[in-house]
Amino acid sequence: MATSARQRSPRASSPRPRTGGSPGPSGRAGTVRIRGAHGALVIRGTDLRAAVGVGILRSTLFAVRVADGVWEEPIPVPGYGEWFGYVSGGWYYRGLFYFVHSTWIGGTASIDGQPHHFLGTLTVFDPRRRAFSRLDIPARSGEEFMCDYLLEVGGELFLLAANRNPPLNAVILRTSRPRP
């Protein structure tokens, strides 16, 4: 489905949109609220899915100018359908966005034929350059890490990854500040 890069985004019609609470039985977001320095934009999840399609939502970054609600050109994430089936997250740290990935492709299906799981590879997006890179969790022979959570504390970024294979260990990676 082709959409114009200048298409105005769909807005919720309710004067008091639902912005909290848990998602419905499908696990889908009832509304998406985007906040920025110049205001907020609320989009109903059903409107967003209808406008762009579910496959696009699992594999594409969308930039919205909050001031006027104009969608920028969508940015496809490299590797979709090859090594991951779903992109998630969007942690912002020191000018970059970090995204985690899952093998999930819908329902109970998985890109690798196993029960769906998170991966030990993250995509890093630099919005200034509009460029992607990969960050692989270091693993020893026999380890297969899954990373689905990042946290910023005290100006440092922490990544938690659990091993899918015995001995079911976990690692926590953290950034380090440059030395003077």
N, C-alpha and C. Protein backbone atom coordinates (compact mmCIF):
# COMPACT_ATOMS: atom_id res chain seq x y z
N MET A 1 0.84 -1.17 0.00
CA MET A 1 0.00 0.00 0.00
C MET A 1 0.89 1.24 0.00
N ALA A 2 0.79 2.06 -0.99
CA ALA A 2 1.61 3.27 -1.07
C ALA A 2 0.92 4.41 -0.36
N THR A 3 1.69 5.17 0.40
CA THR A 3 1.16 6.36 1.06
C THR A 3 2.10 7.50 0.80
N SER A 4 1.56 8.68 0.77
CA SER A 4 2.35 9.87 0.54
C SER A 4 3.15 10.21 1.80
N ALA A 5 4.39 10.65 1.60
CA ALA A 5 5.22 11.04 2.74
C ALA A 5 4.64 12.26 3.44
N ARG A 6 3.82 13.02 2.77
CA ARG A 6 3.23 14.23 3.35
C ARG A 6 1.81 14.01 3.83
N GLN A 7 1.36 12.78 3.85
CA GLN A 7 0.00 12.47 4.31
C GLN A 7 -0.13 12.84 5.78
N ARG A 8 -1.24 13.49 6.12
CA ARG A 8 -1.48 13.81 7.53
C ARG A 8 -1.80 12.53 8.26
N SER A 9 -1.31 12.43 9.45
CA SER A 9 -1.51 11.23 10.23
C SER A 9 -2.94 11.13 10.73
N PRO A 10 -3.46 9.91 10.89
CA PRO A 10 -4.79 9.74 11.46
C PRO A 10 -4.77 10.15 12.92
N ARG A 11 -5.86 10.75 13.38
CA ARG A 11 -5.96 11.18 14.77
C ARG A 11 -7.15 10.51 15.42
N ALA A 12 -7.04 10.28 16.70
CA ALA A 12 -8.16 9.70 17.43
C ALA A 12 -9.31 10.69 17.47
N SER A 13 -10.55 10.19 17.31
CA SER A 13 -11.70 11.07 17.30
C SER A 13 -12.23 11.37 18.69
N SER A 14 -11.88 10.57 19.66
CA SER A 14 -12.36 10.77 21.02
C SER A 14 -11.68 11.98 21.65
N PRO A 15 -12.46 12.86 22.36
CA PRO A 15 -11.83 14.00 23.01
C PRO A 15 -10.92 13.57 24.15
N ARG A 16 -11.13 12.39 24.72
CA ARG A 16 -10.28 11.87 25.79
C ARG A 16 -9.75 10.51 25.36
N PRO A 17 -8.70 10.47 24.50
CA PRO A 17 -8.20 9.19 24.00
C PRO A 17 -7.61 8.35 25.13
N ARG A 18 -7.73 7.04 24.95
CA ARG A 18 -7.14 6.12 25.91
C ARG A 18 -5.64 6.07 25.68
N THR A 19 -4.88 6.48 26.67
CA THR A 19 -3.43 6.49 26.52
C THR A 19 -2.75 5.59 27.53
N GLY A 20 -3.49 5.00 28.43
CA GLY A 20 -2.89 4.14 29.44
C GLY A 20 -3.56 2.80 29.43
N GLY A 21 -3.36 2.05 30.49
CA GLY A 21 -3.99 0.74 30.61
C GLY A 21 -3.25 -0.30 29.80
N SER A 22 -3.82 -1.50 29.78
CA SER A 22 -3.18 -2.60 29.06
C SER A 22 -3.81 -2.76 27.69
N PRO A 23 -3.06 -3.37 26.77
CA PRO A 23 -3.63 -3.61 25.45
C PRO A 23 -4.76 -4.62 25.52
N GLY A 24 -5.53 -4.70 24.45
CA GLY A 24 -6.64 -5.64 24.38
C GLY A 24 -6.16 -7.07 24.28
N PRO A 25 -7.10 -8.02 24.11
CA PRO A 25 -6.73 -9.43 24.07
C PRO A 25 -5.74 -9.77 22.95
N SER A 26 -5.73 -8.98 21.89
CA SER A 26 -4.82 -9.27 20.78
C SER A 26 -3.39 -8.88 21.09
N GLY A 27 -3.18 -8.06 22.14
CA GLY A 27 -1.85 -7.57 22.44
C GLY A 27 -1.51 -6.32 21.64
N ARG A 28 -2.41 -5.86 20.82
CA ARG A 28 -2.17 -4.68 20.00
C ARG A 28 -2.47 -3.42 20.78
N ALA A 29 -1.77 -2.36 20.44
CA ALA A 29 -1.98 -1.08 21.11
C ALA A 29 -3.32 -0.49 20.71
N GLY A 30 -4.08 -0.02 21.71
CA GLY A 30 -5.33 0.66 21.43
C GLY A 30 -5.08 2.03 20.83
N THR A 31 -4.09 2.72 21.35
CA THR A 31 -3.68 4.02 20.83
C THR A 31 -2.17 4.13 20.92
N VAL A 32 -1.63 4.97 20.08
CA VAL A 32 -0.21 5.29 20.12
C VAL A 32 -0.14 6.79 20.38
N ARG A 33 0.56 7.17 21.44
CA ARG A 33 0.70 8.57 21.79
C ARG A 33 2.16 8.96 21.57
N ILE A 34 2.37 9.96 20.74
CA ILE A 34 3.71 10.44 20.42
C ILE A 34 3.84 11.83 21.03
N ARG A 35 4.83 11.99 21.90
CA ARG A 35 5.04 13.28 22.55
C ARG A 35 6.35 13.88 22.08
N GLY A 36 6.35 15.17 21.90
CA GLY A 36 7.56 15.87 21.51
C GLY A 36 7.59 17.25 22.13
N ALA A 37 8.61 17.99 21.81
CA ALA A 37 8.79 19.32 22.39
C ALA A 37 7.67 20.28 21.99
N HIS A 38 7.00 20.00 20.87
CA HIS A 38 5.98 20.91 20.37
C HIS A 38 4.56 20.39 20.52
N GLY A 39 4.36 19.35 21.31
CA GLY A 39 3.01 18.85 21.52
C GLY A 39 2.94 17.35 21.48
N ALA A 40 1.73 16.86 21.32
CA ALA A 40 1.50 15.41 21.31
C ALA A 40 0.56 15.05 20.18
N LEU A 41 0.67 13.81 19.73
CA LEU A 41 -0.16 13.28 18.67
C LEU A 41 -0.67 11.93 19.13
N VAL A 42 -1.98 11.70 19.00
CA VAL A 42 -2.56 10.42 19.38
C VAL A 42 -3.12 9.76 18.13
N ILE A 43 -2.72 8.49 17.92
CA ILE A 43 -3.16 7.75 16.74
C ILE A 43 -3.80 6.46 17.23
N ARG A 44 -4.99 6.17 16.74
CA ARG A 44 -5.62 4.88 17.09
C ARG A 44 -4.85 3.77 16.40
N GLY A 45 -4.60 2.69 17.15
CA GLY A 45 -3.86 1.56 16.60
C GLY A 45 -4.52 0.97 15.37
N THR A 46 -5.86 0.88 15.35
CA THR A 46 -6.56 0.33 14.19
C THR A 46 -6.35 1.21 12.96
N ASP A 47 -6.34 2.55 13.15
CA ASP A 47 -6.11 3.45 12.02
C ASP A 47 -4.69 3.30 11.48
N LEU A 48 -3.74 3.16 12.38
CA LEU A 48 -2.35 3.02 11.96
C LEU A 48 -2.14 1.71 11.21
N ARG A 49 -2.66 0.60 11.73
CA ARG A 49 -2.52 -0.70 11.06
C ARG A 49 -3.20 -0.68 9.69
N ALA A 50 -4.38 -0.05 9.59
CA ALA A 50 -5.10 0.01 8.32
C ALA A 50 -4.34 0.87 7.30
N ALA A 51 -3.70 1.93 7.76
CA ALA A 51 -3.01 2.84 6.85
C ALA A 51 -1.75 2.24 6.25
N VAL A 52 -1.00 1.47 7.03
CA VAL A 52 0.30 1.02 6.53
C VAL A 52 0.45 -0.49 6.42
N GLY A 53 -0.37 -1.26 7.08
CA GLY A 53 -0.26 -2.72 7.02
C GLY A 53 0.60 -3.27 8.15
N VAL A 54 0.26 -4.46 8.61
CA VAL A 54 0.92 -5.07 9.76
C VAL A 54 2.39 -5.38 9.47
N GLY A 55 2.72 -5.92 8.29
CA GLY A 55 4.11 -6.24 7.96
C GLY A 55 5.00 -5.02 8.00
N ILE A 56 4.49 -3.90 7.53
CA ILE A 56 5.26 -2.65 7.56
C ILE A 56 5.49 -2.22 9.00
N LEU A 57 4.49 -2.36 9.87
CA LEU A 57 4.65 -1.96 11.27
C LEU A 57 5.71 -2.78 11.97
N ARG A 58 5.91 -4.02 11.56
CA ARG A 58 6.90 -4.89 12.20
C ARG A 58 8.31 -4.61 11.73
N SER A 59 8.50 -3.79 10.70
CA SER A 59 9.80 -3.70 10.06
C SER A 59 10.22 -2.30 9.64
N THR A 60 9.51 -1.27 10.06
CA THR A 60 9.76 0.06 9.54
C THR A 60 9.75 1.09 10.66
N LEU A 61 10.64 2.07 10.58
CA LEU A 61 10.63 3.20 11.51
C LEU A 61 9.82 4.32 10.89
N PHE A 62 9.03 4.99 11.72
CA PHE A 62 8.20 6.09 11.25
C PHE A 62 8.54 7.34 12.05
N ALA A 63 8.79 8.42 11.35
CA ALA A 63 9.04 9.71 12.00
C ALA A 63 7.83 10.59 11.74
N VAL A 64 7.33 11.19 12.79
CA VAL A 64 6.18 12.09 12.69
C VAL A 64 6.59 13.44 13.25
N ARG A 65 6.35 14.50 12.49
CA ARG A 65 6.58 15.84 13.01
C ARG A 65 5.40 16.16 13.92
N VAL A 66 5.64 16.21 15.21
CA VAL A 66 4.57 16.41 16.18
C VAL A 66 3.91 17.77 16.01
N ALA A 67 4.65 18.79 15.63
CA ALA A 67 4.10 20.14 15.50
C ALA A 67 2.93 20.22 14.52
N ASP A 68 3.02 19.47 13.38
CA ASP A 68 1.96 19.56 12.38
C ASP A 68 1.38 18.20 11.98
N GLY A 69 1.84 17.11 12.61
CA GLY A 69 1.27 15.79 12.36
C GLY A 69 1.62 15.20 11.01
N VAL A 70 2.65 15.70 10.35
CA VAL A 70 3.04 15.20 9.04
C VAL A 70 4.02 14.03 9.19
N TRP A 71 3.73 12.96 8.47
CA TRP A 71 4.60 11.79 8.47
C TRP A 71 5.79 12.05 7.55
N GLU A 72 6.97 11.73 8.03
CA GLU A 72 8.15 11.79 7.18
C GLU A 72 8.22 10.49 6.38
N GLU A 73 9.19 10.38 5.50
CA GLU A 73 9.35 9.17 4.69
C GLU A 73 9.65 7.98 5.60
N PRO A 74 8.92 6.85 5.46
CA PRO A 74 9.20 5.66 6.27
C PRO A 74 10.62 5.15 6.02
N ILE A 75 11.21 4.53 7.05
CA ILE A 75 12.58 4.04 6.97
C ILE A 75 12.57 2.53 7.23
N PRO A 76 12.70 1.69 6.20
CA PRO A 76 12.73 0.24 6.41
C PRO A 76 13.98 -0.18 7.18
N VAL A 77 13.80 -1.10 8.13
CA VAL A 77 14.92 -1.62 8.92
C VAL A 77 15.53 -2.79 8.15
N PRO A 78 16.84 -2.74 7.85
CA PRO A 78 17.46 -3.84 7.10
C PRO A 78 17.46 -5.13 7.90
N GLY A 79 17.25 -6.25 7.20
CA GLY A 79 17.26 -7.57 7.81
C GLY A 79 15.89 -8.16 8.06
N TYR A 80 14.82 -7.34 7.88
CA TYR A 80 13.47 -7.86 8.10
C TYR A 80 13.18 -8.99 7.11
N GLY A 81 12.68 -10.11 7.63
CA GLY A 81 12.37 -11.26 6.80
C GLY A 81 13.57 -12.13 6.49
N GLU A 82 14.78 -11.65 6.81
CA GLU A 82 16.00 -12.43 6.61
C GLU A 82 16.45 -13.04 7.93
N TRP A 83 16.70 -12.18 8.93
CA TRP A 83 17.17 -12.70 10.22
C TRP A 83 16.26 -12.30 11.38
N PHE A 84 15.29 -11.44 11.16
CA PHE A 84 14.31 -11.14 12.21
C PHE A 84 12.93 -10.97 11.59
N GLY A 85 11.91 -11.15 12.43
CA GLY A 85 10.54 -11.01 11.96
C GLY A 85 9.80 -9.84 12.58
N TYR A 86 10.40 -9.21 13.59
CA TYR A 86 9.70 -8.15 14.31
C TYR A 86 10.74 -7.24 14.96
N VAL A 87 10.57 -5.94 14.83
CA VAL A 87 11.44 -4.97 15.48
C VAL A 87 10.67 -4.33 16.63
N SER A 88 11.32 -4.13 17.75
CA SER A 88 10.65 -3.60 18.93
C SER A 88 11.61 -2.69 19.69
N GLY A 89 11.08 -1.99 20.64
CA GLY A 89 11.91 -1.14 21.49
C GLY A 89 11.95 0.27 20.98
N GLY A 90 13.12 0.81 20.90
CA GLY A 90 13.30 2.19 20.52
C GLY A 90 13.89 2.98 21.67
N TRP A 91 14.94 2.43 22.29
CA TRP A 91 15.60 3.13 23.39
C TRP A 91 16.54 4.18 22.80
N TYR A 92 16.43 5.41 23.28
CA TYR A 92 17.26 6.51 22.79
C TYR A 92 18.39 6.74 23.78
N TYR A 93 19.62 6.73 23.28
CA TYR A 93 20.77 6.92 24.14
C TYR A 93 21.88 7.60 23.35
N ARG A 94 22.32 8.74 23.85
CA ARG A 94 23.42 9.51 23.25
C ARG A 94 23.28 9.69 21.75
N GLY A 95 22.10 10.08 21.33
CA GLY A 95 21.87 10.41 19.92
C GLY A 95 21.54 9.24 19.01
N LEU A 96 21.47 8.02 19.57
CA LEU A 96 21.17 6.84 18.76
C LEU A 96 19.95 6.13 19.31
N PHE A 97 19.24 5.41 18.44
CA PHE A 97 18.11 4.57 18.85
C PHE A 97 18.55 3.11 18.78
N TYR A 98 18.20 2.34 19.83
CA TYR A 98 18.54 0.93 19.91
C TYR A 98 17.25 0.12 19.83
N PHE A 99 17.21 -0.86 18.94
CA PHE A 99 16.03 -1.69 18.74
C PHE A 99 16.38 -3.16 18.94
N VAL A 100 15.47 -3.89 19.61
CA VAL A 100 15.63 -5.34 19.77
C VAL A 100 14.77 -6.03 18.73
N HIS A 101 15.04 -7.33 18.54
CA HIS A 101 14.34 -8.07 17.50
C HIS A 101 13.83 -9.40 18.02
N SER A 102 12.78 -9.88 17.38
CA SER A 102 12.20 -11.18 17.68
C SER A 102 12.08 -11.95 16.37
N THR A 103 11.96 -13.26 16.51
CA THR A 103 11.73 -14.11 15.34
C THR A 103 10.25 -14.19 15.00
N TRP A 104 9.38 -13.57 15.79
CA TRP A 104 7.92 -13.65 15.62
C TRP A 104 7.50 -13.03 14.30
N ILE A 105 6.62 -13.74 13.56
CA ILE A 105 6.09 -13.21 12.30
C ILE A 105 4.57 -13.21 12.28
N GLY A 106 3.96 -13.45 13.44
CA GLY A 106 2.50 -13.42 13.55
C GLY A 106 1.95 -14.74 14.06
N GLY A 107 0.89 -14.66 14.86
CA GLY A 107 0.29 -15.86 15.42
C GLY A 107 1.31 -16.63 16.24
N THR A 108 1.49 -17.91 15.91
CA THR A 108 2.52 -18.71 16.58
C THR A 108 3.71 -18.95 15.66
N ALA A 109 3.73 -18.31 14.50
CA ALA A 109 4.80 -18.52 13.51
C ALA A 109 6.06 -17.75 13.87
N SER A 110 7.19 -18.32 13.43
CA SER A 110 8.49 -17.75 13.71
C SER A 110 9.36 -17.85 12.46
N ILE A 111 10.25 -16.91 12.28
CA ILE A 111 11.09 -16.89 11.09
C ILE A 111 12.04 -18.08 11.02
N ASP A 112 12.40 -18.65 12.19
CA ASP A 112 13.33 -19.77 12.20
C ASP A 112 12.67 -21.12 12.47
N GLY A 113 11.32 -21.15 12.51
CA GLY A 113 10.60 -22.39 12.72
C GLY A 113 10.57 -22.88 14.16
N GLN A 114 11.26 -22.22 15.05
CA GLN A 114 11.24 -22.54 16.48
C GLN A 114 10.19 -21.67 17.16
N PRO A 115 9.84 -21.97 18.42
CA PRO A 115 8.96 -21.04 19.13
C PRO A 115 9.59 -19.64 19.10
N HIS A 116 8.77 -18.63 18.85
CA HIS A 116 9.36 -17.29 18.68
C HIS A 116 10.09 -16.85 19.94
N HIS A 117 11.16 -16.08 19.71
CA HIS A 117 12.04 -15.65 20.80
C HIS A 117 12.76 -14.37 20.38
N PHE A 118 13.25 -13.65 21.37
CA PHE A 118 14.07 -12.48 21.07
C PHE A 118 15.45 -12.93 20.62
N LEU A 119 16.18 -12.03 19.99
CA LEU A 119 17.49 -12.33 19.44
C LEU A 119 18.58 -11.60 20.21
N GLY A 120 19.80 -12.03 20.03
CA GLY A 120 20.94 -11.38 20.67
C GLY A 120 21.60 -10.35 19.78
N THR A 121 20.86 -9.81 18.85
CA THR A 121 21.35 -8.78 17.94
C THR A 121 20.41 -7.59 18.01
N LEU A 122 20.97 -6.41 18.13
CA LEU A 122 20.19 -5.18 18.14
C LEU A 122 20.50 -4.39 16.88
N THR A 123 19.55 -3.58 16.46
CA THR A 123 19.79 -2.64 15.38
C THR A 123 19.97 -1.27 16.03
N VAL A 124 20.98 -0.55 15.60
CA VAL A 124 21.25 0.79 16.09
C VAL A 124 20.99 1.75 14.93
N PHE A 125 20.17 2.77 15.20
CA PHE A 125 19.82 3.73 14.15
C PHE A 125 20.34 5.11 14.54
N ASP A 126 21.06 5.74 13.63
CA ASP A 126 21.56 7.10 13.80
C ASP A 126 20.65 8.03 12.99
N PRO A 127 19.76 8.78 13.66
CA PRO A 127 18.81 9.61 12.91
C PRO A 127 19.46 10.76 12.15
N ARG A 128 20.61 11.24 12.60
CA ARG A 128 21.26 12.35 11.88
C ARG A 128 21.78 11.88 10.52
N ARG A 129 22.34 10.68 10.49
CA ARG A 129 22.87 10.13 9.24
C ARG A 129 21.85 9.27 8.50
N ARG A 130 20.74 8.93 9.19
CA ARG A 130 19.74 8.01 8.66
C ARG A 130 20.42 6.70 8.25
N ALA A 131 21.27 6.19 9.17
CA ALA A 131 22.05 4.99 8.89
C ALA A 131 21.86 3.97 10.01
N PHE A 132 21.96 2.69 9.63
CA PHE A 132 21.80 1.58 10.56
C PHE A 132 23.13 0.88 10.78
N SER A 133 23.27 0.29 11.97
CA SER A 133 24.37 -0.63 12.25
C SER A 133 23.82 -1.72 13.16
N ARG A 134 24.60 -2.78 13.35
CA ARG A 134 24.18 -3.89 14.21
C ARG A 134 25.06 -3.95 15.43
N LEU A 135 24.46 -4.41 16.52
CA LEU A 135 25.18 -4.65 17.76
C LEU A 135 24.88 -6.08 18.18
N ASP A 136 25.87 -6.94 18.13
CA ASP A 136 25.70 -8.34 18.49
C ASP A 136 26.19 -8.57 19.92
N ILE A 137 25.37 -9.24 20.73
CA ILE A 137 25.76 -9.60 22.08
C ILE A 137 26.87 -10.65 21.97
N PRO A 138 28.03 -10.42 22.59
CA PRO A 138 29.11 -11.42 22.49
C PRO A 138 28.71 -12.74 23.14
N ALA A 139 29.02 -13.83 22.47
CA ALA A 139 28.64 -15.15 22.98
C ALA A 139 29.78 -16.14 22.76
N ARG A 140 29.89 -17.08 23.69
CA ARG A 140 30.85 -18.17 23.54
C ARG A 140 30.15 -19.31 22.80
N SER A 141 30.91 -20.30 22.42
CA SER A 141 30.36 -21.46 21.73
C SER A 141 29.21 -22.07 22.54
N GLY A 142 28.08 -22.31 21.89
CA GLY A 142 26.92 -22.91 22.55
C GLY A 142 25.96 -21.91 23.18
N GLU A 143 26.35 -20.65 23.28
CA GLU A 143 25.47 -19.63 23.86
C GLU A 143 24.65 -18.97 22.75
N GLU A 144 23.40 -18.73 23.04
CA GLU A 144 22.51 -18.01 22.12
C GLU A 144 21.70 -17.02 22.96
N PHE A 145 22.17 -15.79 22.98
CA PHE A 145 21.55 -14.80 23.85
C PHE A 145 20.32 -14.16 23.23
N MET A 146 19.39 -13.82 24.10
CA MET A 146 18.18 -13.09 23.74
C MET A 146 18.20 -11.79 24.53
N CYS A 147 18.06 -10.67 23.84
CA CYS A 147 18.05 -9.37 24.50
C CYS A 147 16.72 -8.70 24.20
N ASP A 148 15.99 -8.35 25.25
CA ASP A 148 14.71 -7.67 25.03
C ASP A 148 14.53 -6.48 25.95
N TYR A 149 15.58 -6.09 26.65
CA TYR A 149 15.40 -4.99 27.59
C TYR A 149 16.68 -4.18 27.72
N LEU A 150 16.53 -2.87 27.65
CA LEU A 150 17.63 -1.94 27.85
C LEU A 150 17.19 -0.94 28.90
N LEU A 151 18.14 -0.35 29.58
CA LEU A 151 17.83 0.58 30.66
C LEU A 151 18.96 1.59 30.75
N GLU A 152 18.60 2.86 30.92
CA GLU A 152 19.60 3.89 31.15
C GLU A 152 19.56 4.28 32.62
N VAL A 153 20.72 4.21 33.26
CA VAL A 153 20.85 4.57 34.68
C VAL A 153 22.13 5.38 34.83
N GLY A 154 22.01 6.54 35.44
CA GLY A 154 23.20 7.35 35.71
C GLY A 154 24.00 7.70 34.48
N GLY A 155 23.33 7.87 33.36
CA GLY A 155 24.02 8.22 32.13
C GLY A 155 24.66 7.06 31.40
N GLU A 156 24.46 5.85 31.87
CA GLU A 156 25.00 4.65 31.22
C GLU A 156 23.85 3.79 30.69
N LEU A 157 24.10 3.09 29.61
CA LEU A 157 23.11 2.19 29.02
C LEU A 157 23.45 0.75 29.39
N PHE A 158 22.44 0.01 29.89
CA PHE A 158 22.60 -1.38 30.27
C PHE A 158 21.73 -2.25 29.36
N LEU A 159 22.28 -3.37 28.89
CA LEU A 159 21.56 -4.34 28.08
C LEU A 159 21.52 -5.65 28.86
N LEU A 160 20.35 -6.22 28.99
CA LEU A 160 20.20 -7.51 29.66
C LEU A 160 19.94 -8.56 28.60
N ALA A 161 20.70 -9.64 28.64
CA ALA A 161 20.53 -10.73 27.68
C ALA A 161 20.58 -12.06 28.42
N ALA A 162 19.66 -12.95 28.10
CA ALA A 162 19.59 -14.28 28.70
C ALA A 162 19.93 -15.33 27.65
N ASN A 163 20.65 -16.36 28.06
CA ASN A 163 21.04 -17.46 27.18
C ASN A 163 19.87 -18.42 27.03
N ARG A 164 19.50 -18.76 25.81
CA ARG A 164 18.42 -19.73 25.54
C ARG A 164 18.85 -21.16 25.84
N ASN A 165 20.14 -21.40 25.88
CA ASN A 165 20.67 -22.75 26.03
C ASN A 165 21.22 -22.96 27.45
N PRO A 166 21.24 -24.23 27.90
CA PRO A 166 21.86 -24.49 29.21
C PRO A 166 23.31 -24.01 29.19
N PRO A 167 23.77 -23.41 30.24
CA PRO A 167 23.27 -23.39 31.61
C PRO A 167 22.29 -22.25 31.90
N LEU A 168 21.68 -21.66 30.88
CA LEU A 168 20.68 -20.59 31.07
C LEU A 168 21.24 -19.43 31.87
N ASN A 169 22.44 -19.01 31.52
CA ASN A 169 23.05 -17.86 32.17
C ASN A 169 22.58 -16.56 31.53
N ALA A 170 22.93 -15.45 32.13
CA ALA A 170 22.57 -14.14 31.61
C ALA A 170 23.79 -13.23 31.67
N VAL A 171 23.77 -12.21 30.84
CA VAL A 171 24.83 -11.21 30.86
C VAL A 171 24.18 -9.83 30.92
N ILE A 172 24.90 -8.92 31.54
CA ILE A 172 24.50 -7.52 31.54
C ILE A 172 25.66 -6.75 30.94
N LEU A 173 25.40 -6.07 29.87
CA LEU A 173 26.42 -5.25 29.21
C LEU A 173 26.13 -3.80 29.55
N ARG A 174 27.18 -3.02 29.72
CA ARG A 174 26.98 -1.60 30.01
C ARG A 174 27.99 -0.79 29.24
N THR A 175 27.57 0.41 28.91
CA THR A 175 28.48 1.31 28.23
C THR A 175 29.52 1.80 29.23
N SER A 176 30.59 2.31 28.71
CA SER A 176 31.58 2.94 29.58
C SER A 176 31.87 4.32 29.02
N ARG A 177 32.05 5.23 29.92
CA ARG A 177 32.32 6.61 29.50
C ARG A 177 33.75 6.71 28.99
N PRO A 178 33.97 7.56 27.99
CA PRO A 178 35.34 7.73 27.50
C PRO A 178 36.24 8.25 28.61
N ARG A 179 37.46 7.73 28.64
CA ARG A 179 38.42 8.20 29.64
C ARG A 179 39.06 9.50 29.17
N PRO A 180 39.35 10.39 30.12
CA PRO A 180 39.96 11.68 29.73
C PRO A 180 41.35 11.54 29.18
